[in-house]
Full PDB file with SEQRES, HELIX, SHEET, SSBOND, CRYST1, ORIGX, SCALE, CONECT and MASTER records, all heavy atoms in Angstrom:
SEQRES   1 A   30  THR HIS ASN THR GLN PRO TRP LEU PHE LYS LEU GLY ASP          
SEQRES   2 A   30  SER TYR CYS ASP VAL PHE LEU ASN GLU ASP LYS SER LEU          
SEQRES   3 A   30  PRO ILE ALA ASP                                              
HELIX    1 AA1 GLU A   22  LYS A   24  5                                   3    
SHEET    1 AA1 2 TRP A   7  LEU A  11  0                                        
SHEET    2 AA1 2 CYS A  16  LEU A  20 -1                                        
CRYST1    1.000    1.000    1.000  90.00  90.00  90.00 P 1           1          
ORIGX1      1.000000  0.000000  0.000000        0.00000                         
ORIGX2      0.000000  1.000000  0.000000        0.00000                         
ORIGX3      0.000000  0.000000  1.000000        0.00000                         
SCALE1      1.000000  0.000000  0.000000        0.00000                         
SCALE2      0.000000  1.000000  0.000000        0.00000                         
SCALE3      0.000000  0.000000  1.000000        0.00000                         
ATOM      1  N   THR A   1      97.422  90.277 146.275  1.00  0.00           N  
ATOM      2  CA  THR A   1      96.705  91.625 145.885  1.00  0.00           C  
ATOM      3  C   THR A   1      96.444  92.374 147.054  1.00  0.00           C  
ATOM      4  O   THR A   1      95.759  91.990 147.916  1.00  0.00           O  
ATOM      5  CB  THR A   1      95.526  91.413 145.066  1.00  0.00           C  
ATOM      6  OG1 THR A   1      95.826  90.459 143.976  1.00  0.00           O  
ATOM      7  CG2 THR A   1      94.964  92.605 144.461  1.00  0.00           C  
ATOM      8  N   HIS A   2      97.103  93.654 147.060  1.00  0.00           N  
ATOM      9  CA  HIS A   2      96.918  94.607 148.180  1.00  0.00           C  
ATOM     10  C   HIS A   2      97.109  93.867 149.522  1.00  0.00           C  
ATOM     11  O   HIS A   2      96.554  94.400 150.520  1.00  0.00           O  
ATOM     12  CB  HIS A   2      95.469  95.166 148.179  1.00  0.00           C  
ATOM     13  CG  HIS A   2      95.129  95.948 146.907  1.00  0.00           C  
ATOM     14  ND1 HIS A   2      95.756  97.165 146.647  1.00  0.00           N  
ATOM     15  CD2 HIS A   2      94.373  95.683 145.737  1.00  0.00           C  
ATOM     16  CE1 HIS A   2      95.331  97.690 145.512  1.00  0.00           C  
ATOM     17  NE2 HIS A   2      94.528  96.727 144.877  1.00  0.00           N  
ATOM     18  N   ASN A   3      98.024  92.987 149.527  1.00  0.00           N  
ATOM     19  CA  ASN A   3      98.381  92.288 150.819  1.00  0.00           C  
ATOM     20  C   ASN A   3      97.275  91.630 151.594  1.00  0.00           C  
ATOM     21  O   ASN A   3      97.103  91.730 152.733  1.00  0.00           O  
ATOM     22  CB  ASN A   3      99.253  93.239 151.716  1.00  0.00           C  
ATOM     23  CG  ASN A   3     100.036  92.418 152.610  1.00  0.00           C  
ATOM     24  OD1 ASN A   3     100.512  91.268 152.449  1.00  0.00           O  
ATOM     25  ND2 ASN A   3     100.244  92.970 153.856  1.00  0.00           N  
ATOM     26  N   THR A   4      96.317  91.306 150.777  1.00  0.00           N  
ATOM     27  CA  THR A   4      95.054  90.730 151.357  1.00  0.00           C  
ATOM     28  C   THR A   4      95.196  89.284 152.002  1.00  0.00           C  
ATOM     29  O   THR A   4      94.561  88.915 152.989  1.00  0.00           O  
ATOM     30  CB  THR A   4      93.872  90.597 150.342  1.00  0.00           C  
ATOM     31  OG1 THR A   4      94.400  89.749 149.188  1.00  0.00           O  
ATOM     32  CG2 THR A   4      93.278  92.014 150.021  1.00  0.00           C  
ATOM     33  N   GLN A   5      96.226  88.529 151.532  1.00  0.00           N  
ATOM     34  CA  GLN A   5      96.555  87.293 152.047  1.00  0.00           C  
ATOM     35  C   GLN A   5      95.168  86.488 152.132  1.00  0.00           C  
ATOM     36  O   GLN A   5      94.850  86.019 153.161  1.00  0.00           O  
ATOM     37  CB  GLN A   5      97.180  87.380 153.365  1.00  0.00           C  
ATOM     38  CG  GLN A   5      98.606  87.941 153.248  1.00  0.00           C  
ATOM     39  CD  GLN A   5      99.254  87.912 154.613  1.00  0.00           C  
ATOM     40  OE1 GLN A   5      98.666  87.720 155.720  1.00  0.00           O  
ATOM     41  NE2 GLN A   5     100.685  88.017 154.506  1.00  0.00           N  
ATOM     42  N   PRO A   6      94.586  86.299 151.046  1.00  0.00           N  
ATOM     43  CA  PRO A   6      93.211  85.586 151.031  1.00  0.00           C  
ATOM     44  C   PRO A   6      93.193  84.032 151.077  1.00  0.00           C  
ATOM     45  O   PRO A   6      92.591  83.354 150.306  1.00  0.00           O  
ATOM     46  CB  PRO A   6      92.702  86.042 149.610  1.00  0.00           C  
ATOM     47  CG  PRO A   6      93.995  85.995 148.779  1.00  0.00           C  
ATOM     48  CD  PRO A   6      95.105  86.468 149.652  1.00  0.00           C  
ATOM     49  N   TRP A   7      94.025  83.461 151.879  1.00  0.00           N  
ATOM     50  CA  TRP A   7      94.072  82.055 152.073  1.00  0.00           C  
ATOM     51  C   TRP A   7      93.753  81.599 153.491  1.00  0.00           C  
ATOM     52  O   TRP A   7      93.944  82.383 154.524  1.00  0.00           O  
ATOM     53  CB  TRP A   7      95.445  81.456 151.781  1.00  0.00           C  
ATOM     54  CG  TRP A   7      96.600  82.382 152.315  1.00  0.00           C  
ATOM     55  CD1 TRP A   7      96.961  82.408 153.566  1.00  0.00           C  
ATOM     56  CD2 TRP A   7      97.405  83.338 151.578  1.00  0.00           C  
ATOM     57  NE1 TRP A   7      98.010  83.327 153.743  1.00  0.00           N  
ATOM     58  CE2 TRP A   7      98.297  83.873 152.453  1.00  0.00           C  
ATOM     59  CE3 TRP A   7      97.440  83.671 150.204  1.00  0.00           C  
ATOM     60  CZ2 TRP A   7      99.227  84.787 152.087  1.00  0.00           C  
ATOM     61  CZ3 TRP A   7      98.471  84.553 149.831  1.00  0.00           C  
ATOM     62  CH2 TRP A   7      99.220  85.132 150.795  1.00  0.00           C  
ATOM     63  N   LEU A   8      93.167  80.532 153.664  1.00  0.00           N  
ATOM     64  CA  LEU A   8      93.057  79.824 154.951  1.00  0.00           C  
ATOM     65  C   LEU A   8      93.601  78.292 154.863  1.00  0.00           C  
ATOM     66  O   LEU A   8      93.520  77.864 153.703  1.00  0.00           O  
ATOM     67  CB  LEU A   8      91.473  79.709 155.299  1.00  0.00           C  
ATOM     68  CG  LEU A   8      90.796  80.957 155.468  1.00  0.00           C  
ATOM     69  CD1 LEU A   8      89.221  80.900 155.488  1.00  0.00           C  
ATOM     70  CD2 LEU A   8      91.237  81.694 156.716  1.00  0.00           C  
ATOM     71  N   PHE A   9      93.844  77.660 155.799  1.00  0.00           N  
ATOM     72  CA  PHE A   9      94.529  76.435 155.859  1.00  0.00           C  
ATOM     73  C   PHE A   9      93.726  75.561 156.980  1.00  0.00           C  
ATOM     74  O   PHE A   9      93.437  75.962 158.042  1.00  0.00           O  
ATOM     75  CB  PHE A   9      95.905  76.437 156.519  1.00  0.00           C  
ATOM     76  CG  PHE A   9      96.902  77.359 155.631  1.00  0.00           C  
ATOM     77  CD1 PHE A   9      97.250  78.644 156.166  1.00  0.00           C  
ATOM     78  CD2 PHE A   9      97.194  77.172 154.315  1.00  0.00           C  
ATOM     79  CE1 PHE A   9      97.977  79.586 155.495  1.00  0.00           C  
ATOM     80  CE2 PHE A   9      97.974  78.123 153.553  1.00  0.00           C  
ATOM     81  CZ  PHE A   9      98.383  79.238 154.152  1.00  0.00           C  
ATOM     82  N   LYS A  10      93.622  74.231 156.567  1.00  0.00           N  
ATOM     83  CA  LYS A  10      93.223  73.307 157.473  1.00  0.00           C  
ATOM     84  C   LYS A  10      94.210  72.146 157.465  1.00  0.00           C  
ATOM     85  O   LYS A  10      94.474  71.530 156.366  1.00  0.00           O  
ATOM     86  CB  LYS A  10      91.914  72.724 156.966  1.00  0.00           C  
ATOM     87  CG  LYS A  10      91.208  71.637 157.856  1.00  0.00           C  
ATOM     88  CD  LYS A  10      89.921  71.241 157.454  1.00  0.00           C  
ATOM     89  CE  LYS A  10      89.420  70.085 158.446  1.00  0.00           C  
ATOM     90  NZ  LYS A  10      88.242  69.449 157.850  1.00  0.00           N  
ATOM     91  N   LEU A  11      94.649  71.911 158.687  1.00  0.00           N  
ATOM     92  CA  LEU A  11      95.808  70.892 158.564  1.00  0.00           C  
ATOM     93  C   LEU A  11      95.261  69.445 159.046  1.00  0.00           C  
ATOM     94  O   LEU A  11      94.460  69.253 159.816  1.00  0.00           O  
ATOM     95  CB  LEU A  11      96.835  71.206 159.843  1.00  0.00           C  
ATOM     96  CG  LEU A  11      97.844  72.271 159.433  1.00  0.00           C  
ATOM     97  CD1 LEU A  11      97.244  73.543 158.939  1.00  0.00           C  
ATOM     98  CD2 LEU A  11      98.707  72.443 160.687  1.00  0.00           C  
ATOM     99  N   GLY A  12      95.926  68.530 158.428  1.00  0.00           N  
ATOM    100  CA  GLY A  12      95.681  67.007 158.691  1.00  0.00           C  
ATOM    101  C   GLY A  12      97.080  66.468 159.277  1.00  0.00           C  
ATOM    102  O   GLY A  12      97.983  67.372 159.357  1.00  0.00           O  
ATOM    103  N   ASP A  13      97.105  65.211 159.414  1.00  0.00           N  
ATOM    104  CA  ASP A  13      98.304  64.712 159.994  1.00  0.00           C  
ATOM    105  C   ASP A  13      99.500  64.717 158.970  1.00  0.00           C  
ATOM    106  O   ASP A  13     100.646  65.016 159.279  1.00  0.00           O  
ATOM    107  CB  ASP A  13      98.151  63.165 160.364  1.00  0.00           C  
ATOM    108  CG  ASP A  13      99.336  62.648 160.978  1.00  0.00           C  
ATOM    109  OD1 ASP A  13      99.802  63.151 162.061  1.00  0.00           O  
ATOM    110  OD2 ASP A  13      99.860  61.578 160.658  1.00  0.00           O  
ATOM    111  N   SER A  14      99.195  64.551 157.715  1.00  0.00           N  
ATOM    112  CA  SER A  14     100.329  64.616 156.603  1.00  0.00           C  
ATOM    113  C   SER A  14      99.934  65.697 155.444  1.00  0.00           C  
ATOM    114  O   SER A  14     100.419  65.275 154.333  1.00  0.00           O  
ATOM    115  CB  SER A  14     100.811  63.310 156.274  1.00  0.00           C  
ATOM    116  OG  SER A  14      99.676  62.632 155.695  1.00  0.00           O  
ATOM    117  N   TYR A  15      99.004  66.384 155.618  1.00  0.00           N  
ATOM    118  CA  TYR A  15      98.509  67.303 154.614  1.00  0.00           C  
ATOM    119  C   TYR A  15      98.091  68.560 155.045  1.00  0.00           C  
ATOM    120  O   TYR A  15      97.834  68.850 156.301  1.00  0.00           O  
ATOM    121  CB  TYR A  15      97.420  66.669 153.719  1.00  0.00           C  
ATOM    122  CG  TYR A  15      96.091  66.345 154.528  1.00  0.00           C  
ATOM    123  CD1 TYR A  15      95.222  67.494 154.630  1.00  0.00           C  
ATOM    124  CD2 TYR A  15      95.953  65.180 155.256  1.00  0.00           C  
ATOM    125  CE1 TYR A  15      94.044  67.260 155.212  1.00  0.00           C  
ATOM    126  CE2 TYR A  15      94.722  65.075 155.937  1.00  0.00           C  
ATOM    127  CZ  TYR A  15      93.838  66.036 155.869  1.00  0.00           C  
ATOM    128  OH  TYR A  15      92.660  65.912 156.626  1.00  0.00           O  
ATOM    129  N   CYS A  16      97.938  69.572 154.199  1.00  0.00           N  
ATOM    130  CA  CYS A  16      97.197  70.841 154.431  1.00  0.00           C  
ATOM    131  C   CYS A  16      96.329  71.121 153.289  1.00  0.00           C  
ATOM    132  O   CYS A  16      96.658  71.120 152.102  1.00  0.00           O  
ATOM    133  CB  CYS A  16      98.374  71.914 154.404  1.00  0.00           C  
ATOM    134  SG  CYS A  16      97.708  73.559 154.628  1.00  0.00           S  
ATOM    135  N   ASP A  17      95.050  71.427 153.673  1.00  0.00           N  
ATOM    136  CA  ASP A  17      94.178  71.891 152.649  1.00  0.00           C  
ATOM    137  C   ASP A  17      94.165  73.378 152.491  1.00  0.00           C  
ATOM    138  O   ASP A  17      94.277  74.006 153.637  1.00  0.00           O  
ATOM    139  CB  ASP A  17      92.615  71.497 153.004  1.00  0.00           C  
ATOM    140  CG  ASP A  17      92.480  70.012 152.774  1.00  0.00           C  
ATOM    141  OD1 ASP A  17      93.138  69.357 151.970  1.00  0.00           O  
ATOM    142  OD2 ASP A  17      91.632  69.383 153.455  1.00  0.00           O  
ATOM    143  N   VAL A  18      94.104  73.949 151.471  1.00  0.00           N  
ATOM    144  CA  VAL A  18      94.205  75.464 151.264  1.00  0.00           C  
ATOM    145  C   VAL A  18      92.814  75.844 150.701  1.00  0.00           C  
ATOM    146  O   VAL A  18      92.326  75.360 149.663  1.00  0.00           O  
ATOM    147  CB  VAL A  18      95.362  75.850 150.228  1.00  0.00           C  
ATOM    148  CG1 VAL A  18      95.389  77.272 150.170  1.00  0.00           C  
ATOM    149  CG2 VAL A  18      96.604  75.171 150.716  1.00  0.00           C  
ATOM    150  N   PHE A  19      92.409  76.930 151.339  1.00  0.00           N  
ATOM    151  CA  PHE A  19      91.068  77.436 150.949  1.00  0.00           C  
ATOM    152  C   PHE A  19      91.147  78.930 150.539  1.00  0.00           C  
ATOM    153  O   PHE A  19      92.042  79.659 151.096  1.00  0.00           O  
ATOM    154  CB  PHE A  19      90.083  77.349 152.206  1.00  0.00           C  
ATOM    155  CG  PHE A  19      89.744  75.898 152.643  1.00  0.00           C  
ATOM    156  CD1 PHE A  19      90.627  75.286 153.309  1.00  0.00           C  
ATOM    157  CD2 PHE A  19      88.577  75.265 152.128  1.00  0.00           C  
ATOM    158  CE1 PHE A  19      90.315  73.937 153.759  1.00  0.00           C  
ATOM    159  CE2 PHE A  19      88.269  74.089 152.511  1.00  0.00           C  
ATOM    160  CZ  PHE A  19      89.246  73.409 153.201  1.00  0.00           C  
ATOM    161  N   LEU A  20      90.357  79.333 149.758  1.00  0.00           N  
ATOM    162  CA  LEU A  20      90.137  80.769 149.380  1.00  0.00           C  
ATOM    163  C   LEU A  20      89.334  81.453 150.512  1.00  0.00           C  
ATOM    164  O   LEU A  20      88.239  81.014 150.823  1.00  0.00           O  
ATOM    165  CB  LEU A  20      89.452  80.954 148.107  1.00  0.00           C  
ATOM    166  CG  LEU A  20      89.288  82.332 147.485  1.00  0.00           C  
ATOM    167  CD1 LEU A  20      90.715  82.821 146.923  1.00  0.00           C  
ATOM    168  CD2 LEU A  20      88.387  82.292 146.194  1.00  0.00           C  
ATOM    169  N   ASN A  21      89.716  82.434 150.998  1.00  0.00           N  
ATOM    170  CA  ASN A  21      89.079  83.221 152.066  1.00  0.00           C  
ATOM    171  C   ASN A  21      88.201  84.494 151.455  1.00  0.00           C  
ATOM    172  O   ASN A  21      88.868  85.449 151.279  1.00  0.00           O  
ATOM    173  CB  ASN A  21      90.083  83.831 153.147  1.00  0.00           C  
ATOM    174  CG  ASN A  21      89.357  84.413 154.223  1.00  0.00           C  
ATOM    175  OD1 ASN A  21      88.096  84.696 154.258  1.00  0.00           O  
ATOM    176  ND2 ASN A  21      90.121  84.833 155.279  1.00  0.00           N  
ATOM    177  N   GLU A  22      87.094  84.110 151.110  1.00  0.00           N  
ATOM    178  CA  GLU A  22      86.366  85.224 150.373  1.00  0.00           C  
ATOM    179  C   GLU A  22      85.969  86.435 151.288  1.00  0.00           C  
ATOM    180  O   GLU A  22      85.631  87.489 150.657  1.00  0.00           O  
ATOM    181  CB  GLU A  22      85.197  84.602 149.794  1.00  0.00           C  
ATOM    182  CG  GLU A  22      85.412  83.579 148.673  1.00  0.00           C  
ATOM    183  CD  GLU A  22      84.172  82.957 148.016  1.00  0.00           C  
ATOM    184  OE1 GLU A  22      83.034  83.287 148.502  1.00  0.00           O  
ATOM    185  OE2 GLU A  22      84.360  82.392 147.111  1.00  0.00           O  
ATOM    186  N   ASP A  23      86.224  86.325 152.548  1.00  0.00           N  
ATOM    187  CA  ASP A  23      86.148  87.513 153.403  1.00  0.00           C  
ATOM    188  C   ASP A  23      87.187  88.607 153.039  1.00  0.00           C  
ATOM    189  O   ASP A  23      86.951  89.718 153.380  1.00  0.00           O  
ATOM    190  CB  ASP A  23      86.266  87.157 154.849  1.00  0.00           C  
ATOM    191  CG  ASP A  23      85.081  86.262 155.341  1.00  0.00           C  
ATOM    192  OD1 ASP A  23      83.959  86.256 154.655  1.00  0.00           O  
ATOM    193  OD2 ASP A  23      85.311  85.665 156.329  1.00  0.00           O  
ATOM    194  N   LYS A  24      88.219  88.182 152.328  1.00  0.00           N  
ATOM    195  CA  LYS A  24      89.280  89.052 151.949  1.00  0.00           C  
ATOM    196  C   LYS A  24      89.157  89.692 150.464  1.00  0.00           C  
ATOM    197  O   LYS A  24      90.097  90.255 149.956  1.00  0.00           O  
ATOM    198  CB  LYS A  24      90.642  88.310 152.105  1.00  0.00           C  
ATOM    199  CG  LYS A  24      91.020  87.754 153.423  1.00  0.00           C  
ATOM    200  CD  LYS A  24      91.366  88.917 154.381  1.00  0.00           C  
ATOM    201  CE  LYS A  24      91.814  88.372 155.672  1.00  0.00           C  
ATOM    202  NZ  LYS A  24      92.707  89.098 156.392  1.00  0.00           N  
ATOM    203  N   SER A  25      87.949  89.392 149.981  1.00  0.00           N  
ATOM    204  CA  SER A  25      87.709  89.828 148.519  1.00  0.00           C  
ATOM    205  C   SER A  25      87.760  91.298 148.439  1.00  0.00           C  
ATOM    206  O   SER A  25      87.378  92.044 149.329  1.00  0.00           O  
ATOM    207  CB  SER A  25      86.408  89.268 148.007  1.00  0.00           C  
ATOM    208  OG  SER A  25      85.333  89.881 148.501  1.00  0.00           O  
ATOM    209  N   LEU A  26      88.128  91.761 147.191  1.00  0.00           N  
ATOM    210  CA  LEU A  26      88.052  93.335 146.898  1.00  0.00           C  
ATOM    211  C   LEU A  26      87.116  93.308 145.681  1.00  0.00           C  
ATOM    212  O   LEU A  26      87.430  93.308 144.543  1.00  0.00           O  
ATOM    213  CB  LEU A  26      89.423  93.756 146.563  1.00  0.00           C  
ATOM    214  CG  LEU A  26      90.565  93.618 147.570  1.00  0.00           C  
ATOM    215  CD1 LEU A  26      91.934  93.791 147.064  1.00  0.00           C  
ATOM    216  CD2 LEU A  26      90.202  94.445 148.843  1.00  0.00           C  
ATOM    217  N   PRO A  27      85.882  93.626 145.992  1.00  0.00           N  
ATOM    218  CA  PRO A  27      84.744  93.516 144.923  1.00  0.00           C  
ATOM    219  C   PRO A  27      84.913  94.511 143.896  1.00  0.00           C  
ATOM    220  O   PRO A  27      84.666  94.339 142.670  1.00  0.00           O  
ATOM    221  CB  PRO A  27      83.522  93.616 145.601  1.00  0.00           C  
ATOM    222  CG  PRO A  27      83.717  93.923 147.101  1.00  0.00           C  
ATOM    223  CD  PRO A  27      85.243  93.661 147.341  1.00  0.00           C  
ATOM    224  N   ILE A  28      85.530  95.746 144.111  1.00  0.00           N  
ATOM    225  CA  ILE A  28      85.688  96.827 143.180  1.00  0.00           C  
ATOM    226  C   ILE A  28      86.887  96.521 142.373  1.00  0.00           C  
ATOM    227  O   ILE A  28      86.855  96.556 141.131  1.00  0.00           O  
ATOM    228  CB  ILE A  28      85.812  98.182 143.765  1.00  0.00           C  
ATOM    229  CG1 ILE A  28      84.357  98.436 144.411  1.00  0.00           C  
ATOM    230  CG2 ILE A  28      86.186  99.213 142.687  1.00  0.00           C  
ATOM    231  CD1 ILE A  28      84.270  99.707 145.249  1.00  0.00           C  
ATOM    232  N   ALA A  29      87.973  96.308 143.007  1.00  0.00           N  
ATOM    233  CA  ALA A  29      89.255  95.908 142.318  1.00  0.00           C  
ATOM    234  C   ALA A  29      89.474  94.515 141.754  1.00  0.00           C  
ATOM    235  O   ALA A  29      90.248  94.389 140.739  1.00  0.00           O  
ATOM    236  CB  ALA A  29      90.419  96.176 143.352  1.00  0.00           C  
ATOM    237  N   ASP A  30      88.720  93.577 142.144  1.00  0.00           N  
ATOM    238  CA  ASP A  30      88.834  92.138 141.690  1.00  0.00           C  
ATOM    239  C   ASP A  30      87.508  91.483 141.572  1.00  0.00           C  
ATOM    240  O   ASP A  30      87.207  90.571 142.368  1.00  0.00           O  
ATOM    241  CB  ASP A  30      89.977  91.421 142.588  1.00  0.00           C  
ATOM    242  CG  ASP A  30      90.253  90.065 142.068  1.00  0.00           C  
ATOM    243  OD1 ASP A  30      90.074  89.848 140.930  1.00  0.00           O  
ATOM    244  OD2 ASP A  30      90.544  89.274 142.947  1.00  0.00           O  
TER     245      ASP A  30                                                      
MASTER        0    0    0    1    2    0    0    6  244    1    0    3          
END                                                                             
């Protein structure tokens, strides 16, 4: 949405955890 790219990643040896980056929120639009 609006090219916010609201994701963050944390890497492990054989995995990747995906997080919601709430700093990219659009409080009025979403």
